[in-house]
Amino acid sequence: MGIICYPELTLVSKINAIAKFVIDHQDDDAANPDEMWVDSYEVCTFLKISERTLQRLRTKRLISYSIISGKSYYTIAEIKRMLTERRIRSTDECMNDLINNYQFHAQQRRTVKTDK
C-alpha cells in the first residue's frame, strides 16, 4: 500500500509555521524603534505638524519615505533626522509619544492576531 500525501495539509502547516515565526519575532522589531515605520497621520498627529509640511519635505526630497497603497510611511530614524536638522519643529516629548503610540498599537495588533 502506498503513502497517501495530502499536499494541502503540508502547505497549511508550512503557512502556519511561517505565521508563528513572524508573530514570535515581531518583538525583535520593537527592540530598535528607529526601524519602525509610521504613516503620515501618526507623524502629523504626534509631532503636531501639518500634512502640508510633510508634503513639502517629500516634494523637495528632504525626507525619505515609502508609499504603500497610496499612504506615505516614514521610519522613526528619518523623523529623528528631520528633528535634528530642524526641518521639523517639535519636541522630544512629541517624538516619544509617537514611538509609544506605535508600540502600543503594534502590541494590540499582535494580541488580536494571536486570539484568532
PDB file of N, CA and C in Angstrom:
ATOM      1  N   MET A   1       0.846  -1.166   0.000  1.00  0.00           N
ATOM      2  CA  MET A   1       0.000   0.000   0.000  1.00  0.00           C
ATOM      3  C   MET A   1       0.895   1.234   0.000  1.00  0.00           C
ATOM      4  N   GLY A   2       0.545   2.207  -0.822  1.00  0.00           N
ATOM      5  CA  GLY A   2       1.344   3.419  -0.944  1.00  0.00           C
ATOM      6  C   GLY A   2       0.997   4.450   0.131  1.00  0.00           C
ATOM      7  N   ILE A   3       1.864   5.422   0.256  1.00  0.00           N
ATOM      8  CA  ILE A   3       1.657   6.506   1.211  1.00  0.00           C
ATOM      9  C   ILE A   3       0.728   7.533   0.573  1.00  0.00           C
ATOM     10  N   ILE A   4      -0.295   7.915   1.338  1.00  0.00           N
ATOM     11  CA  ILE A   4      -1.219   8.935   0.839  1.00  0.00           C
ATOM     12  C   ILE A   4      -0.684  10.292   1.287  1.00  0.00           C
ATOM     13  N   CYS A   5      -0.523  11.172   0.341  1.00  0.00           N
ATOM     14  CA  CYS A   5       0.014  12.507   0.632  1.00  0.00           C
ATOM     15  C   CYS A   5      -1.082  13.540   0.430  1.00  0.00           C
ATOM     16  N   TYR A   6      -1.233  14.399   1.403  1.00  0.00           N
ATOM     17  CA  TYR A   6      -2.191  15.491   1.318  1.00  0.00           C
ATOM     18  C   TYR A   6      -1.405  16.787   1.230  1.00  0.00           C
ATOM     19  N   PRO A   7      -1.087  17.210   0.006  1.00  0.00           N
ATOM     20  CA  PRO A   7      -0.246  18.395  -0.153  1.00  0.00           C
ATOM     21  C   PRO A   7      -0.838  19.648   0.481  1.00  0.00           C
ATOM     22  N   GLU A   8      -2.194  19.759   0.504  1.00  0.00           N
ATOM     23  CA  GLU A   8      -2.780  20.947   1.091  1.00  0.00           C
ATOM     24  C   GLU A   8      -2.535  21.002   2.598  1.00  0.00           C
ATOM     25  N   LEU A   9      -2.469  19.858   3.267  1.00  0.00           N
ATOM     26  CA  LEU A   9      -2.180  19.846   4.702  1.00  0.00           C
ATOM     27  C   LEU A   9      -0.735  20.265   4.949  1.00  0.00           C
ATOM     28  N   THR A  10       0.154  19.815   4.106  1.00  0.00           N
ATOM     29  CA  THR A  10       1.550  20.194   4.235  1.00  0.00           C
ATOM     30  C   THR A  10       1.703  21.693   4.020  1.00  0.00           C
ATOM     31  N   LEU A  11       1.026  22.209   3.025  1.00  0.00           N
ATOM     32  CA  LEU A  11       1.087  23.641   2.739  1.00  0.00           C
ATOM     33  C   LEU A  11       0.517  24.452   3.898  1.00  0.00           C
ATOM     34  N   VAL A  12      -0.618  24.020   4.431  1.00  0.00           N
ATOM     35  CA  VAL A  12      -1.237  24.731   5.564  1.00  0.00           C
ATOM     36  C   VAL A  12      -0.316  24.707   6.776  1.00  0.00           C
ATOM     37  N   SER A  13       0.304  23.575   7.037  1.00  0.00           N
ATOM     38  CA  SER A  13       1.202  23.506   8.193  1.00  0.00           C
ATOM     39  C   SER A  13       2.425  24.393   7.994  1.00  0.00           C
ATOM     40  N   LYS A  14       2.912  24.487   6.762  1.00  0.00           N
ATOM     41  CA  LYS A  14       4.042  25.372   6.485  1.00  0.00           C
ATOM     42  C   LYS A  14       3.645  26.838   6.658  1.00  0.00           C
ATOM     43  N   ILE A  15       2.462  27.198   6.174  1.00  0.00           N
ATOM     44  CA  ILE A  15       1.977  28.575   6.332  1.00  0.00           C
ATOM     45  C   ILE A  15       1.803  28.904   7.801  1.00  0.00           C
ATOM     46  N   ASN A  16       1.245  27.978   8.562  1.00  0.00           N
ATOM     47  CA  ASN A  16       1.082  28.201   9.996  1.00  0.00           C
ATOM     48  C   ASN A  16       2.427  28.363  10.701  1.00  0.00           C
ATOM     49  N   ALA A  17       3.413  27.587  10.286  1.00  0.00           N
ATOM     50  CA  ALA A  17       4.749  27.705  10.871  1.00  0.00           C
ATOM     51  C   ALA A  17       5.367  29.061  10.559  1.00  0.00           C
ATOM     52  N   ILE A  18       5.187  29.521   9.333  1.00  0.00           N
ATOM     53  CA  ILE A  18       5.706  30.833   8.941  1.00  0.00           C
ATOM     54  C   ILE A  18       4.995  31.933   9.732  1.00  0.00           C
ATOM     55  N   ALA A  19       3.673  31.844   9.836  1.00  0.00           N
ATOM     56  CA  ALA A  19       2.907  32.850  10.591  1.00  0.00           C
ATOM     57  C   ALA A  19       3.348  32.883  12.046  1.00  0.00           C
ATOM     58  N   LYS A  20       3.567  31.714  12.641  1.00  0.00           N
ATOM     59  CA  LYS A  20       4.019  31.656  14.038  1.00  0.00           C
ATOM     60  C   LYS A  20       5.400  32.300  14.175  1.00  0.00           C
ATOM     61  N   PHE A  21       6.280  32.019  13.234  1.00  0.00           N
ATOM     62  CA  PHE A  21       7.617  32.606  13.258  1.00  0.00           C
ATOM     63  C   PHE A  21       7.539  34.134  13.197  1.00  0.00           C
ATOM     64  N   VAL A  22       6.724  34.647  12.281  1.00  0.00           N
ATOM     65  CA  VAL A  22       6.587  36.103  12.134  1.00  0.00           C
ATOM     66  C   VAL A  22       6.047  36.718  13.418  1.00  0.00           C
ATOM     67  N   ILE A  23       4.999  36.138  13.977  1.00  0.00           N
ATOM     68  CA  ILE A  23       4.412  36.667  15.213  1.00  0.00           C
ATOM     69  C   ILE A  23       5.409  36.611  16.359  1.00  0.00           C
ATOM     70  N   ASP A  24       6.126  35.507  16.469  1.00  0.00           N
ATOM     71  CA  ASP A  24       7.104  35.359  17.551  1.00  0.00           C
ATOM     72  C   ASP A  24       8.264  36.336  17.431  1.00  0.00           C
ATOM     73  N   HIS A  25       8.597  36.743  16.220  1.00  0.00           N
ATOM     74  CA  HIS A  25       9.752  37.618  16.015  1.00  0.00           C
ATOM     75  C   HIS A  25       9.393  39.086  15.792  1.00  0.00           C
ATOM     76  N   GLN A  26       8.122  39.421  15.890  1.00  0.00           N
ATOM     77  CA  GLN A  26       7.732  40.822  15.741  1.00  0.00           C
ATOM     78  C   GLN A  26       8.292  41.661  16.877  1.00  0.00           C
ATOM     79  N   ASP A  27       8.469  41.088  18.056  1.00  0.00           N
ATOM     80  CA  ASP A  27       9.041  41.828  19.174  1.00  0.00           C
ATOM     81  C   ASP A  27      10.470  42.247  18.881  1.00  0.00           C
ATOM     82  N   ASP A  28      11.176  41.503  18.020  1.00  0.00           N
ATOM     83  CA  ASP A  28      12.547  41.866  17.654  1.00  0.00           C
ATOM     84  C   ASP A  28      12.579  43.237  16.982  1.00  0.00           C
ATOM     85  N   ASP A  29      11.552  43.549  16.176  1.00  0.00           N
ATOM     86  CA  ASP A  29      11.485  44.840  15.504  1.00  0.00           C
ATOM     87  C   ASP A  29      11.308  45.977  16.490  1.00  0.00           C
ATOM     88  N   ALA A  30      10.576  45.722  17.573  1.00  0.00           N
ATOM     89  CA  ALA A  30      10.315  46.757  18.563  1.00  0.00           C
ATOM     90  C   ALA A  30      11.564  47.095  19.366  1.00  0.00           C
ATOM     91  N   ALA A  31      12.570  46.218  19.318  1.00  0.00           N
ATOM     92  CA  ALA A  31      13.800  46.459  20.076  1.00  0.00           C
ATOM     93  C   ALA A  31      14.519  47.705  19.566  1.00  0.00           C
ATOM     94  N   ASN A  32      14.422  47.997  18.293  1.00  0.00           N
ATOM     95  CA  ASN A  32      15.058  49.179  17.727  1.00  0.00           C
ATOM     96  C   ASN A  32      13.982  50.092  17.137  1.00  0.00           C
ATOM     97  N   PRO A  33      13.537  51.088  17.920  1.00  0.00           N
ATOM     98  CA  PRO A  33      12.460  51.953  17.442  1.00  0.00           C
ATOM     99  C   PRO A  33      12.811  52.717  16.165  1.00  0.00           C
ATOM    100  N   ASP A  34      14.084  52.938  15.898  1.00  0.00           N
ATOM    101  CA  ASP A  34      14.472  53.687  14.700  1.00  0.00           C
ATOM    102  C   ASP A  34      14.056  52.975  13.414  1.00  0.00           C
ATOM    103  N   GLU A  35      13.835  51.668  13.472  1.00  0.00           N
ATOM    104  CA  GLU A  35      13.464  50.897  12.287  1.00  0.00           C
ATOM    105  C   GLU A  35      11.957  50.778  12.095  1.00  0.00           C
ATOM    106  N   MET A  36      11.178  51.345  13.026  1.00  0.00           N
ATOM    107  CA  MET A  36       9.727  51.288  12.913  1.00  0.00           C
ATOM    108  C   MET A  36       9.253  52.245  11.823  1.00  0.00           C
ATOM    109  N   TRP A  37       8.169  51.872  11.154  1.00  0.00           N
ATOM    110  CA  TRP A  37       7.576  52.706  10.105  1.00  0.00           C
ATOM    111  C   TRP A  37       6.257  53.271  10.615  1.00  0.00           C
ATOM    112  N   VAL A  38       6.057  54.571  10.424  1.00  0.00           N
ATOM    113  CA  VAL A  38       4.818  55.231  10.827  1.00  0.00           C
ATOM    114  C   VAL A  38       4.247  55.975   9.619  1.00  0.00           C
ATOM    115  N   ASP A  39       2.934  56.137   9.599  1.00  0.00           N
ATOM    116  CA  ASP A  39       2.319  56.814   8.460  1.00  0.00           C
ATOM    117  C   ASP A  39       2.224  58.318   8.689  1.00  0.00           C
ATOM    118  N   SER A  40       1.826  59.020   7.669  1.00  0.00           N
ATOM    119  CA  SER A  40       1.748  60.485   7.714  1.00  0.00           C
ATOM    120  C   SER A  40       0.825  60.967   8.823  1.00  0.00           C
ATOM    121  N   TYR A  41      -0.297  60.283   8.985  1.00  0.00           N
ATOM    122  CA  TYR A  41      -1.259  60.686  10.005  1.00  0.00           C
ATOM    123  C   TYR A  41      -0.623  60.672  11.393  1.00  0.00           C
ATOM    124  N   GLU A  42       0.090  59.584  11.704  1.00  0.00           N
ATOM    125  CA  GLU A  42       0.746  59.482  13.010  1.00  0.00           C
ATOM    126  C   GLU A  42       1.804  60.568  13.180  1.00  0.00           C
ATOM    127  N   VAL A  43       2.594  60.797  12.148  1.00  0.00           N
ATOM    128  CA  VAL A  43       3.640  61.819  12.222  1.00  0.00           C
ATOM    129  C   VAL A  43       3.016  63.185  12.492  1.00  0.00           C
ATOM    130  N   CYS A  44       2.000  63.526  11.713  1.00  0.00           N
ATOM    131  CA  CYS A  44       1.357  64.843  11.870  1.00  0.00           C
ATOM    132  C   CYS A  44       0.681  64.987  13.227  1.00  0.00           C
ATOM    133  N   THR A  45      -0.006  63.943  13.657  1.00  0.00           N
ATOM    134  CA  THR A  45      -0.737  63.997  14.921  1.00  0.00           C
ATOM    135  C   THR A  45       0.194  64.166  16.107  1.00  0.00           C
ATOM    136  N   PHE A  46       1.214  63.335  16.181  1.00  0.00           N
ATOM    137  CA  PHE A  46       2.054  63.328  17.378  1.00  0.00           C
ATOM    138  C   PHE A  46       3.135  64.401  17.374  1.00  0.00           C
ATOM    139  N   LEU A  47       3.585  64.811  16.200  1.00  0.00           N
ATOM    140  CA  LEU A  47       4.595  65.867  16.151  1.00  0.00           C
ATOM    141  C   LEU A  47       3.966  67.255  15.993  1.00  0.00           C
ATOM    142  N   LYS A  48       2.641  67.245  15.847  1.00  0.00           N
ATOM    143  CA  LYS A  48       1.880  68.499  15.750  1.00  0.00           C
ATOM    144  C   LYS A  48       2.370  69.366  14.585  1.00  0.00           C
ATOM    145  N   ILE A  49       2.444  68.707  13.418  1.00  0.00           N
ATOM    146  CA  ILE A  49       2.799  69.418  12.190  1.00  0.00           C
ATOM    147  C   ILE A  49       1.698  69.172  11.170  1.00  0.00           C
ATOM    148  N   SER A  50       1.665  69.981  10.137  1.00  0.00           N
ATOM    149  CA  SER A  50       0.615  69.835   9.127  1.00  0.00           C
ATOM    150  C   SER A  50       1.015  68.798   8.074  1.00  0.00           C
ATOM    151  N   GLU A  51      -0.017  68.290   7.401  1.00  0.00           N
ATOM    152  CA  GLU A  51       0.237  67.369   6.290  1.00  0.00           C
ATOM    153  C   GLU A  51       1.000  68.085   5.181  1.00  0.00           C
ATOM    154  N   ARG A  52       0.740  69.368   5.054  1.00  0.00           N
ATOM    155  CA  ARG A  52       1.416  70.170   4.031  1.00  0.00           C
ATOM    156  C   ARG A  52       2.921  70.235   4.284  1.00  0.00           C
ATOM    157  N   THR A  53       3.314  70.290   5.554  1.00  0.00           N
ATOM    158  CA  THR A  53       4.741  70.308   5.897  1.00  0.00           C
ATOM    159  C   THR A  53       5.414  69.026   5.409  1.00  0.00           C
ATOM    160  N   LEU A  54       4.782  67.892   5.674  1.00  0.00           N
ATOM    161  CA  LEU A  54       5.349  66.615   5.193  1.00  0.00           C
ATOM    162  C   LEU A  54       5.364  66.574   3.670  1.00  0.00           C
ATOM    163  N   GLN A  55       4.295  67.054   3.046  1.00  0.00           N
ATOM    164  CA  GLN A  55       4.240  67.075   1.581  1.00  0.00           C
ATOM    165  C   GLN A  55       5.383  67.917   1.019  1.00  0.00           C
ATOM    166  N   ARG A  56       5.634  69.053   1.635  1.00  0.00           N
ATOM    167  CA  ARG A  56       6.708  69.939   1.177  1.00  0.00           C
ATOM    168  C   ARG A  56       8.063  69.239   1.301  1.00  0.00           C
ATOM    169  N   LEU A  57       8.291  68.534   2.412  1.00  0.00           N
ATOM    170  CA  LEU A  57       9.554  67.805   2.613  1.00  0.00           C
ATOM    171  C   LEU A  57       9.718  66.702   1.564  1.00  0.00           C
ATOM    172  N   ARG A  58       8.620  66.017   1.241  1.00  0.00           N
ATOM    173  CA  ARG A  58       8.679  64.969   0.215  1.00  0.00           C
ATOM    174  C   ARG A  58       8.972  65.577  -1.149  1.00  0.00           C
ATOM    175  N   THR A  59       8.275  66.657  -1.482  1.00  0.00           N
ATOM    176  CA  THR A  59       8.443  67.305  -2.780  1.00  0.00           C
ATOM    177  C   THR A  59       9.873  67.792  -2.981  1.00  0.00           C
ATOM    178  N   LYS A  60      10.457  68.339  -1.928  1.00  0.00           N
ATOM    179  CA  LYS A  60      11.836  68.838  -2.005  1.00  0.00           C
ATOM    180  C   LYS A  60      12.867  67.720  -1.826  1.00  0.00           C
ATOM    181  N   ARG A  61      12.385  66.503  -1.653  1.00  0.00           N
ATOM    182  CA  ARG A  61      13.250  65.327  -1.457  1.00  0.00           C
ATOM    183  C   ARG A  61      14.178  65.484  -0.259  1.00  0.00           C
ATOM    184  N   LEU A  62      13.634  66.054   0.809  1.00  0.00           N
ATOM    185  CA  LEU A  62      14.403  66.238   2.032  1.00  0.00           C
ATOM    186  C   LEU A  62      14.161  65.117   3.030  1.00  0.00           C
ATOM    187  N   ILE A  63      13.125  64.330   2.804  1.00  0.00           N
ATOM    188  CA  ILE A  63      12.798  63.235   3.709  1.00  0.00           C
ATOM    189  C   ILE A  63      12.580  61.961   2.890  1.00  0.00           C
ATOM    190  N   SER A  64      13.104  60.860   3.391  1.00  0.00           N
ATOM    191  CA  SER A  64      12.908  59.560   2.727  1.00  0.00           C
ATOM    192  C   SER A  64      11.584  58.978   3.187  1.00  0.00           C
ATOM    193  N   TYR A  65      10.891  58.348   2.263  1.00  0.00           N
ATOM    194  CA  TYR A  65       9.596  57.756   2.579  1.00  0.00           C
ATOM    195  C   TYR A  65       9.299  56.646   1.592  1.00  0.00           C
ATOM    196  N   SER A  66       8.289  55.863   1.927  1.00  0.00           N
ATOM    197  CA  SER A  66       7.799  54.824   1.025  1.00  0.00           C
ATOM    198  C   SER A  66       6.302  54.989   0.906  1.00  0.00           C
ATOM    199  N   ILE A  67       5.781  54.680  -0.263  1.00  0.00           N
ATOM    200  CA  ILE A  67       4.339  54.739  -0.472  1.00  0.00           C
ATOM    201  C   ILE A  67       3.833  53.314  -0.658  1.00  0.00           C
ATOM    202  N   ILE A  68       2.854  52.960   0.166  1.00  0.00           N
ATOM    203  CA  ILE A  68       2.222  51.647   0.081  1.00  0.00           C
ATOM    204  C   ILE A  68       0.715  51.889   0.051  1.00  0.00           C
ATOM    205  N   SER A  69       0.072  51.414  -0.987  1.00  0.00           N
ATOM    206  CA  SER A  69      -1.373  51.581  -1.163  1.00  0.00           C
ATOM    207  C   SER A  69      -1.798  53.035  -1.014  1.00  0.00           C
ATOM    208  N   GLY A  70      -1.011  53.935  -1.547  1.00  0.00           N
ATOM    209  CA  GLY A  70      -1.363  55.337  -1.539  1.00  0.00           C
ATOM    210  C   GLY A  70      -1.066  56.090  -0.248  1.00  0.00           C
ATOM    211  N   LYS A  71      -0.507  55.408   0.746  1.00  0.00           N
ATOM    212  CA  LYS A  71      -0.165  56.065   2.010  1.00  0.00           C
ATOM    213  C   LYS A  71       1.350  56.200   2.114  1.00  0.00           C
ATOM    214  N   SER A  72       1.789  57.332   2.654  1.00  0.00           N
ATOM    215  CA  SER A  72       3.224  57.569   2.842  1.00  0.00           C
ATOM    216  C   SER A  72       3.647  57.082   4.218  1.00  0.00           C
ATOM    217  N   TYR A  73       4.790  56.402   4.265  1.00  0.00           N
ATOM    218  CA  TYR A  73       5.344  55.883   5.517  1.00  0.00           C
ATOM    219  C   TYR A  73       6.777  56.376   5.684  1.00  0.00           C
ATOM    220  N   TYR A  74       7.158  56.619   6.938  1.00  0.00           N
ATOM    221  CA  TYR A  74       8.476  57.145   7.282  1.00  0.00           C
ATOM    222  C   TYR A  74       9.060  56.305   8.412  1.00  0.00           C
ATOM    223  N   THR A  75      10.378  56.145   8.410  1.00  0.00           N
ATOM    224  CA  THR A  75      10.994  55.465   9.548  1.00  0.00           C
ATOM    225  C   THR A  75      11.169  56.469  10.683  1.00  0.00           C
ATOM    226  N   ILE A  76      11.191  55.951  11.893  1.00  0.00           N
ATOM    227  CA  ILE A  76      11.419  56.799  13.060  1.00  0.00           C
ATOM    228  C   ILE A  76      12.790  57.459  12.939  1.00  0.00           C
ATOM    229  N   ALA A  77      13.769  56.740  12.404  1.00  0.00           N
ATOM    230  CA  ALA A  77      15.117  57.297  12.232  1.00  0.00           C
ATOM    231  C   ALA A  77      15.067  58.523  11.322  1.00  0.00           C
ATOM    232  N   GLU A  78      14.257  58.451  10.277  1.00  0.00           N
ATOM    233  CA  GLU A  78      14.143  59.573   9.352  1.00  0.00           C
ATOM    234  C   GLU A  78      13.462  60.766  10.021  1.00  0.00           C
ATOM    235  N   ILE A  79      12.454  60.510  10.813  1.00  0.00           N
ATOM    236  CA  ILE A  79      11.772  61.587  11.537  1.00  0.00           C
ATOM    237  C   ILE A  79      12.742  62.235  12.531  1.00  0.00           C
ATOM    238  N   LYS A  80      13.528  61.402  13.215  1.00  0.00           N
ATOM    239  CA  LYS A  80      14.526  61.935  14.154  1.00  0.00           C
ATOM    240  C   LYS A  80      15.547  62.808  13.427  1.00  0.00           C
ATOM    241  N   ARG A  81      15.935  62.370  12.242  1.00  0.00           N
ATOM    242  CA  ARG A  81      16.900  63.152  11.454  1.00  0.00           C
ATOM    243  C   ARG A  81      16.308  64.515  11.103  1.00  0.00           C
ATOM    244  N   MET A  82      15.038  64.539  10.745  1.00  0.00           N
ATOM    245  CA  MET A  82      14.373  65.810  10.421  1.00  0.00           C
ATOM    246  C   MET A  82      14.332  66.730  11.647  1.00  0.00           C
ATOM    247  N   LEU A  83      14.117  66.149  12.814  1.00  0.00           N
ATOM    248  CA  LEU A  83      14.110  66.945  14.041  1.00  0.00           C
ATOM    249  C   LEU A  83      15.508  67.483  14.353  1.00  0.00           C
ATOM    250  N   THR A  84      16.507  66.632  14.185  1.00  0.00           N
ATOM    251  CA  THR A  84      17.890  67.035  14.454  1.00  0.00           C
ATOM    252  C   THR A  84      18.328  68.155  13.519  1.00  0.00           C
ATOM    253  N   GLU A  85      17.952  68.047  12.258  1.00  0.00           N
ATOM    254  CA  GLU A  85      18.304  69.073  11.271  1.00  0.00           C
ATOM    255  C   GLU A  85      17.382  70.293  11.350  1.00  0.00           C
ATOM    256  N   ARG A  86      16.446  70.236  12.271  1.00  0.00           N
ATOM    257  CA  ARG A  86      15.478  71.325  12.493  1.00  0.00           C
ATOM    258  C   ARG A  86      14.631  71.639  11.260  1.00  0.00           C
ATOM    259  N   ARG A  87      14.374  70.615  10.463  1.00  0.00           N
ATOM    260  CA  ARG A  87      13.471  70.777   9.321  1.00  0.00           C
ATOM    261  C   ARG A  87      12.025  70.617   9.793  1.00  0.00           C
ATOM    262  N   ILE A  88      11.863  69.930  10.924  1.00  0.00           N
ATOM    263  CA  ILE A  88      10.568  69.798  11.591  1.00  0.00           C
ATOM    264  C   ILE A  88      10.746  70.376  12.980  1.00  0.00           C
ATOM    265  N   ARG A  89       9.826  71.234  13.375  1.00  0.00           N
ATOM    266  CA  ARG A  89       9.887  71.815  14.717  1.00  0.00           C
ATOM    267  C   ARG A  89       8.918  71.057  15.603  1.00  0.00           C
ATOM    268  N   SER A  90       9.471  70.334  16.551  1.00  0.00           N
ATOM    269  CA  SER A  90       8.668  69.596  17.505  1.00  0.00           C
ATOM    270  C   SER A  90       9.528  69.338  18.730  1.00  0.00           C
ATOM    271  N   THR A  91       8.980  68.619  19.696  1.00  0.00           N
ATOM    272  CA  THR A  91       9.713  68.357  20.929  1.00  0.00           C
ATOM    273  C   THR A  91      10.054  66.879  21.050  1.00  0.00           C
ATOM    274  N   ASP A  92      11.007  66.591  21.933  1.00  0.00           N
ATOM    275  CA  ASP A  92      11.354  65.190  22.214  1.00  0.00           C
ATOM    276  C   ASP A  92      10.161  64.457  22.811  1.00  0.00           C
ATOM    277  N   GLU A  93       9.376  65.170  23.590  1.00  0.00           N
ATOM    278  CA  GLU A  93       8.192  64.562  24.203  1.00  0.00           C
ATOM    279  C   GLU A  93       7.209  64.097  23.128  1.00  0.00           C
ATOM    280  N   CYS A  94       7.019  64.909  22.097  1.00  0.00           N
ATOM    281  CA  CYS A  94       6.136  64.525  20.986  1.00  0.00           C
ATOM    282  C   CYS A  94       6.689  63.302  20.255  1.00  0.00           C
ATOM    283  N   MET A  95       8.002  63.266  20.082  1.00  0.00           N
ATOM    284  CA  MET A  95       8.639  62.122  19.413  1.00  0.00           C
ATOM    285  C   MET A  95       8.440  60.858  20.241  1.00  0.00           C
ATOM    286  N   ASN A  96       8.620  60.960  21.545  1.00  0.00           N
ATOM    287  CA  ASN A  96       8.404  59.804  22.425  1.00  0.00           C
ATOM    288  C   ASN A  96       6.950  59.348  22.385  1.00  0.00           C
ATOM    289  N   ASP A  97       6.014  60.292  22.310  1.00  0.00           N
ATOM    290  CA  ASP A  97       4.597  59.936  22.195  1.00  0.00           C
ATOM    291  C   ASP A  97       4.345  59.165  20.906  1.00  0.00           C
ATOM    292  N   LEU A  98       4.974  59.584  19.822  1.00  0.00           N
ATOM    293  CA  LEU A  98       4.830  58.896  18.542  1.00  0.00           C
ATOM    294  C   LEU A  98       5.320  57.450  18.645  1.00  0.00           C
ATOM    295  N   ILE A  99       6.495  57.257  19.227  1.00  0.00           N
ATOM    296  CA  ILE A  99       7.060  55.906  19.369  1.00  0.00           C
ATOM    297  C   ILE A  99       6.190  55.054  20.277  1.00  0.00           C
ATOM    298  N   ASN A 100       5.778  55.611  21.413  1.00  0.00           N
ATOM    299  CA  ASN A 100       4.948  54.855  22.360  1.00  0.00           C
ATOM    300  C   ASN A 100       3.607  54.476  21.752  1.00  0.00           C
ATOM    301  N   ASN A 101       3.009  55.398  20.998  1.00  0.00           N
ATOM    302  CA  ASN A 101       1.739  55.104  20.341  1.00  0.00           C
ATOM    303  C   ASN A 101       1.906  53.971  19.335  1.00  0.00           C
ATOM    304  N   TYR A 102       2.968  54.020  18.551  1.00  0.00           N
ATOM    305  CA  TYR A 102       3.220  52.966  17.564  1.00  0.00           C
ATOM    306  C   TYR A 102       3.359  51.609  18.261  1.00  0.00           C
ATOM    307  N   GLN A 103       4.163  51.570  19.325  1.00  0.00           N
ATOM    308  CA  GLN A 103       4.385  50.317  20.038  1.00  0.00           C
ATOM    309  C   GLN A 103       3.101  49.794  20.665  1.00  0.00           C
ATOM    310  N   PHE A 104       2.278  50.690  21.197  1.00  0.00           N
ATOM    311  CA  PHE A 104       1.008  50.296  21.801  1.00  0.00           C
ATOM    312  C   PHE A 104       0.102  49.652  20.764  1.00  0.00           C
ATOM    313  N   HIS A 105      -0.049  50.302  19.615  1.00  0.00           N
ATOM    314  CA  HIS A 105      -0.920  49.764  18.571  1.00  0.00           C
ATOM    315  C   HIS A 105      -0.351  48.493  17.941  1.00  0.00           C
ATOM    316  N   ALA A 106       0.956  48.391  17.836  1.00  0.00           N
ATOM    317  CA  ALA A 106       1.577  47.165  17.318  1.00  0.00           C
ATOM    318  C   ALA A 106       1.299  46.002  18.257  1.00  0.00           C
ATOM    319  N   GLN A 107       1.374  46.251  19.563  1.00  0.00           N
ATOM    320  CA  GLN A 107       1.084  45.199  20.548  1.00  0.00           C
ATOM    321  C   GLN A 107      -0.383  44.787  20.467  1.00  0.00           C
ATOM    322  N   GLN A 108      -1.276  45.744  20.277  1.00  0.00           N
ATOM    323  CA  GLN A 108      -2.692  45.427  20.144  1.00  0.00           C
ATOM    324  C   GLN A 108      -2.947  44.559  18.916  1.00  0.00           C
ATOM    325  N   ARG A 109      -2.287  44.882  17.795  1.00  0.00           N
ATOM    326  CA  ARG A 109      -2.462  44.078  16.574  1.00  0.00           C
ATOM    327  C   ARG A 109      -1.967  42.654  16.795  1.00  0.00           C
ATOM    328  N   ARG A 110      -0.849  42.501  17.504  1.00  0.00           N
ATOM    329  CA  ARG A 110      -0.332  41.159  17.784  1.00  0.00           C
ATOM    330  C   ARG A 110      -1.304  40.378  18.639  1.00  0.00           C
ATOM    331  N   THR A 111      -1.896  41.029  19.632  1.00  0.00           N
ATOM    332  CA  THR A 111      -2.828  40.362  20.531  1.00  0.00           C
ATOM    333  C   THR A 111      -4.055  39.900  19.761  1.00  0.00           C
ATOM    334  N   VAL A 112      -4.562  40.724  18.879  1.00  0.00           N
ATOM    335  CA  VAL A 112      -5.734  40.364  18.074  1.00  0.00           C
ATOM    336  C   VAL A 112      -5.400  39.173  17.188  1.00  0.00           C
ATOM    337  N   LYS A 113      -4.227  39.171  16.559  1.00  0.00           N
ATOM    338  CA  LYS A 113      -3.834  38.083  15.658  1.00  0.00           C
ATOM    339  C   LYS A 113      -3.687  36.766  16.405  1.00  0.00           C
ATOM    340  N   THR A 114      -3.133  36.787  17.612  1.00  0.00           N
ATOM    341  CA  THR A 114      -2.927  35.547  18.348  1.00  0.00           C
ATOM    342  C   THR A 114      -4.212  35.040  18.970  1.00  0.00           C
ATOM    343  N   ASP A 115      -5.216  35.912  19.147  1.00  0.00           N
ATOM    344  CA  ASP A 115      -6.506  35.499  19.699  1.00  0.00           C
ATOM    345  C   ASP A 115      -7.350  34.751  18.667  1.00  0.00           C
ATOM    346  N   LYS A 116      -7.075  34.961  17.386  1.00  0.00           N
ATOM    347  CA  LYS A 116      -7.885  34.335  16.330  1.00  0.00           C
ATOM    348  C   LYS A 116      -7.633  32.866  16.206  1.00  0.00           C
TER     349      LYS A 116
END
